[in-house]
Amino acid sequence: MSLSILKLLIDFGLVILIWMIQLMVYPSFKYFSNDELLNWHKKYTFRIACIVIPLMFAQLIIYTFQAYTFQTTYHVLGLLIVLLLWIITFWQFVPLHKAISNNTYTNKSLHDLVRKNWDRTGLWTVLFILGVIEFMY
């Protein structure tokens, strides 16, 4: 399997995953009672991490390798988007999820999960589209 196909598959997996989280998972949090959310969130974060962490690391490795090897505007832009996704994830989303896990969240925290996640949804969508364009040419 070529690196371009592997990258496209990883990007596809992440874009599908982020759209599911954006449209179904995060909005559903407001329908749980406090105890139910605490119980579900503990299970959810472990399970989603088992999927997301390997995909994000693989994506980071591939984009870093390609940016270093080819040094084209496309590859550097792709790496910058991936790095921005990492920054957004750890700077904004890890604290929001910790607030839920620690039972210090508010309704605003749950609203912020959905509102702020549009940034990641858009970035992963753009990254996937760029990958499709690269693969076609």
C-alpha atoms as a PDB file:
ATOM      1  CA  MET A   1       0.000   0.000   0.000  1.00  0.00           C
ATOM      2  CA  SER A   2       1.381   3.404  -0.930  1.00  0.00           C
ATOM      3  CA  LEU A   3       1.886   6.127   1.634  1.00  0.00           C
ATOM      4  CA  SER A   4      -0.621   8.346  -0.209  1.00  0.00           C
ATOM      5  CA  ILE A   5      -3.355   5.711   0.081  1.00  0.00           C
ATOM      6  CA  LEU A   6      -2.550   5.099   3.750  1.00  0.00           C
ATOM      7  CA  LYS A   7      -2.663   8.846   4.443  1.00  0.00           C
ATOM      8  CA  LEU A   8      -5.986   9.152   2.618  1.00  0.00           C
ATOM      9  CA  LEU A   9      -7.457   6.250   4.614  1.00  0.00           C
ATOM     10  CA  ILE A  10      -6.315   7.781   7.912  1.00  0.00           C
ATOM     11  CA  ASP A  11      -7.665  11.200   6.917  1.00  0.00           C
ATOM     12  CA  PHE A  12     -10.944   9.587   5.868  1.00  0.00           C
ATOM     13  CA  GLY A  13     -11.230   7.760   9.190  1.00  0.00           C
ATOM     14  CA  LEU A  14     -10.626  10.954  11.139  1.00  0.00           C
ATOM     15  CA  VAL A  15     -13.017  13.060   9.062  1.00  0.00           C
ATOM     16  CA  ILE A  16     -15.823  10.515   9.468  1.00  0.00           C
ATOM     17  CA  LEU A  17     -15.093  10.232  13.164  1.00  0.00           C
ATOM     18  CA  ILE A  18     -15.073  14.002  13.772  1.00  0.00           C
ATOM     19  CA  TRP A  19     -18.359  14.482  11.892  1.00  0.00           C
ATOM     20  CA  MET A  20     -19.985  11.729  13.993  1.00  0.00           C
ATOM     21  CA  ILE A  21     -18.690  13.326  17.175  1.00  0.00           C
ATOM     22  CA  GLN A  22     -19.817  16.777  16.023  1.00  0.00           C
ATOM     23  CA  LEU A  23     -23.317  15.790  14.936  1.00  0.00           C
ATOM     24  CA  MET A  24     -24.162  12.999  17.382  1.00  0.00           C
ATOM     25  CA  VAL A  25     -21.837  12.503  20.332  1.00  0.00           C
ATOM     26  CA  TYR A  26     -21.172  15.982  21.736  1.00  0.00           C
ATOM     27  CA  PRO A  27     -24.755  17.226  21.252  1.00  0.00           C
ATOM     28  CA  SER A  28     -26.047  14.150  23.087  1.00  0.00           C
ATOM     29  CA  PHE A  29     -24.165  15.062  26.273  1.00  0.00           C
ATOM     30  CA  LYS A  30     -26.776  17.660  27.204  1.00  0.00           C
ATOM     31  CA  TYR A  31     -29.471  14.955  27.360  1.00  0.00           C
ATOM     32  CA  PHE A  32     -27.726  12.965  30.092  1.00  0.00           C
ATOM     33  CA  SER A  33     -28.333  13.521  33.770  1.00  0.00           C
ATOM     34  CA  ASN A  34     -25.205  14.477  35.700  1.00  0.00           C
ATOM     35  CA  ASP A  35     -24.605  10.935  37.002  1.00  0.00           C
ATOM     36  CA  GLU A  36     -25.314   9.365  33.619  1.00  0.00           C
ATOM     37  CA  LEU A  37     -22.918  11.746  31.864  1.00  0.00           C
ATOM     38  CA  LEU A  38     -20.135  11.067  34.359  1.00  0.00           C
ATOM     39  CA  ASN A  39     -20.593   7.325  33.926  1.00  0.00           C
ATOM     40  CA  TRP A  40     -20.869   7.454  30.116  1.00  0.00           C
ATOM     41  CA  HIS A  41     -18.067   9.993  29.665  1.00  0.00           C
ATOM     42  CA  LYS A  42     -15.567   7.745  31.455  1.00  0.00           C
ATOM     43  CA  LYS A  43     -16.393   4.887  29.068  1.00  0.00           C
ATOM     44  CA  TYR A  44     -16.585   7.163  26.017  1.00  0.00           C
ATOM     45  CA  THR A  45     -13.218   8.870  26.513  1.00  0.00           C
ATOM     46  CA  PHE A  46     -11.388   5.562  26.932  1.00  0.00           C
ATOM     47  CA  ARG A  47     -13.054   3.977  23.917  1.00  0.00           C
ATOM     48  CA  ILE A  48     -12.660   6.977  21.608  1.00  0.00           C
ATOM     49  CA  ALA A  49      -9.013   7.381  22.657  1.00  0.00           C
ATOM     50  CA  CYS A  50      -8.320   3.804  21.510  1.00  0.00           C
ATOM     51  CA  ILE A  51      -9.439   4.860  18.029  1.00  0.00           C
ATOM     52  CA  VAL A  52      -8.313   8.496  17.834  1.00  0.00           C
ATOM     53  CA  ILE A  53      -4.825   8.321  19.350  1.00  0.00           C
ATOM     54  CA  PRO A  54      -3.366   5.808  16.863  1.00  0.00           C
ATOM     55  CA  LEU A  55      -4.974   7.642  13.932  1.00  0.00           C
ATOM     56  CA  MET A  56      -3.716  11.052  15.049  1.00  0.00           C
ATOM     57  CA  PHE A  57      -0.180   9.753  15.662  1.00  0.00           C
ATOM     58  CA  ALA A  58      -0.133   7.998  12.284  1.00  0.00           C
ATOM     59  CA  GLN A  59      -1.382  11.186  10.622  1.00  0.00           C
ATOM     60  CA  LEU A  60       1.286  13.282  12.372  1.00  0.00           C
ATOM     61  CA  ILE A  61       4.065  10.868  11.378  1.00  0.00           C
ATOM     62  CA  ILE A  62       2.996  10.695   7.727  1.00  0.00           C
ATOM     63  CA  TYR A  63       2.513  14.444   7.312  1.00  0.00           C
ATOM     64  CA  THR A  64       5.832  15.163   9.055  1.00  0.00           C
ATOM     65  CA  PHE A  65       7.642  12.664   6.832  1.00  0.00           C
ATOM     66  CA  GLN A  66       6.076  14.058   3.667  1.00  0.00           C
ATOM     67  CA  ALA A  67       6.716  17.706   4.616  1.00  0.00           C
ATOM     68  CA  TYR A  68      10.353  16.878   5.363  1.00  0.00           C
ATOM     69  CA  THR A  69      10.839  14.715   2.261  1.00  0.00           C
ATOM     70  CA  PHE A  70       8.997  16.734  -0.387  1.00  0.00           C
ATOM     71  CA  GLN A  71       8.981  20.253   1.103  1.00  0.00           C
ATOM     72  CA  THR A  72       6.142  21.405  -1.152  1.00  0.00           C
ATOM     73  CA  THR A  73       3.615  24.052  -0.151  1.00  0.00           C
ATOM     74  CA  TYR A  74       0.929  21.366  -0.071  1.00  0.00           C
ATOM     75  CA  HIS A  75       2.855  19.076   2.277  1.00  0.00           C
ATOM     76  CA  VAL A  76       3.931  21.892   4.601  1.00  0.00           C
ATOM     77  CA  LEU A  77       0.350  23.231   4.693  1.00  0.00           C
ATOM     78  CA  GLY A  78      -0.925  19.740   5.522  1.00  0.00           C
ATOM     79  CA  LEU A  79       1.558  19.415   8.369  1.00  0.00           C
ATOM     80  CA  LEU A  80       0.607  22.858   9.695  1.00  0.00           C
ATOM     81  CA  ILE A  81      -3.074  21.846   9.710  1.00  0.00           C
ATOM     82  CA  VAL A  82      -2.237  18.618  11.560  1.00  0.00           C
ATOM     83  CA  LEU A  83      -0.174  20.535  14.124  1.00  0.00           C
ATOM     84  CA  LEU A  84      -3.001  23.040  14.564  1.00  0.00           C
ATOM     85  CA  LEU A  85      -5.409  20.151  15.173  1.00  0.00           C
ATOM     86  CA  TRP A  86      -3.105  18.807  17.891  1.00  0.00           C
ATOM     87  CA  ILE A  87      -2.857  22.248  19.519  1.00  0.00           C
ATOM     88  CA  ILE A  88      -6.628  22.781  19.449  1.00  0.00           C
ATOM     89  CA  THR A  89      -7.256  19.289  20.799  1.00  0.00           C
ATOM     90  CA  PHE A  90      -4.904  19.599  23.752  1.00  0.00           C
ATOM     91  CA  TRP A  91      -5.462  23.260  24.500  1.00  0.00           C
ATOM     92  CA  GLN A  92      -9.254  23.357  24.254  1.00  0.00           C
ATOM     93  CA  PHE A  93     -10.700  19.847  24.337  1.00  0.00           C
ATOM     94  CA  VAL A  94      -8.599  18.072  26.919  1.00  0.00           C
ATOM     95  CA  PRO A  95      -9.582  20.701  29.556  1.00  0.00           C
ATOM     96  CA  LEU A  96     -13.257  20.486  28.573  1.00  0.00           C
ATOM     97  CA  HIS A  97     -13.219  16.702  28.872  1.00  0.00           C
ATOM     98  CA  LYS A  98     -11.334  16.907  32.179  1.00  0.00           C
ATOM     99  CA  ALA A  99     -14.049  19.236  33.496  1.00  0.00           C
ATOM    100  CA  ILE A 100     -16.657  16.612  32.660  1.00  0.00           C
ATOM    101  CA  SER A 101     -14.582  13.810  34.188  1.00  0.00           C
ATOM    102  CA  ASN A 102     -13.996  15.868  37.345  1.00  0.00           C
ATOM    103  CA  ASN A 103     -17.674  16.850  37.548  1.00  0.00           C
ATOM    104  CA  THR A 104     -16.777  20.542  37.330  1.00  0.00           C
ATOM    105  CA  TYR A 105     -18.434  21.104  33.961  1.00  0.00           C
ATOM    106  CA  THR A 106     -21.274  23.525  33.294  1.00  0.00           C
ATOM    107  CA  ASN A 107     -23.909  23.758  30.600  1.00  0.00           C
ATOM    108  CA  LYS A 108     -21.554  26.240  28.930  1.00  0.00           C
ATOM    109  CA  SER A 109     -18.824  23.558  28.889  1.00  0.00           C
ATOM    110  CA  LEU A 110     -21.156  21.196  27.040  1.00  0.00           C
ATOM    111  CA  HIS A 111     -22.136  23.970  24.641  1.00  0.00           C
ATOM    112  CA  ASP A 112     -18.450  24.827  24.086  1.00  0.00           C
ATOM    113  CA  LEU A 113     -17.694  21.226  23.116  1.00  0.00           C
ATOM    114  CA  VAL A 114     -20.063  21.516  20.168  1.00  0.00           C
ATOM    115  CA  ARG A 115     -19.262  25.124  19.239  1.00  0.00           C
ATOM    116  CA  LYS A 116     -15.480  24.815  19.401  1.00  0.00           C
ATOM    117  CA  ASN A 117     -15.452  21.427  17.720  1.00  0.00           C
ATOM    118  CA  TRP A 118     -16.583  23.053  14.468  1.00  0.00           C
ATOM    119  CA  ASP A 119     -12.978  24.264  14.093  1.00  0.00           C
ATOM    120  CA  ARG A 120     -11.607  20.721  14.211  1.00  0.00           C
ATOM    121  CA  THR A 121     -14.419  19.444  12.020  1.00  0.00           C
ATOM    122  CA  GLY A 122     -13.603  22.056   9.383  1.00  0.00           C
ATOM    123  CA  LEU A 123      -9.850  21.489   9.545  1.00  0.00           C
ATOM    124  CA  TRP A 124     -10.107  17.699   9.255  1.00  0.00           C
ATOM    125  CA  THR A 125     -12.561  18.102   6.381  1.00  0.00           C
ATOM    126  CA  VAL A 126     -10.183  20.472   4.544  1.00  0.00           C
ATOM    127  CA  LEU A 127      -7.283  18.099   5.173  1.00  0.00           C
ATOM    128  CA  PHE A 128      -9.253  15.193   3.706  1.00  0.00           C
ATOM    129  CA  ILE A 129     -10.306  17.218   0.654  1.00  0.00           C
ATOM    130  CA  LEU A 130      -6.697  18.269   0.082  1.00  0.00           C
ATOM    131  CA  GLY A 131      -5.687  14.604   0.325  1.00  0.00           C
ATOM    132  CA  VAL A 132      -8.278  13.605  -2.260  1.00  0.00           C
ATOM    133  CA  ILE A 133      -7.026  16.330  -4.598  1.00  0.00           C
ATOM    134  CA  GLU A 134      -3.411  15.236  -4.081  1.00  0.00           C
ATOM    135  CA  PHE A 135      -4.327  11.593  -4.690  1.00  0.00           C
ATOM    136  CA  MET A 136      -6.162  12.435  -7.937  1.00  0.00           C
ATOM    137  CA  TYR A 137      -3.144  14.291  -9.359  1.00  0.00           C
END
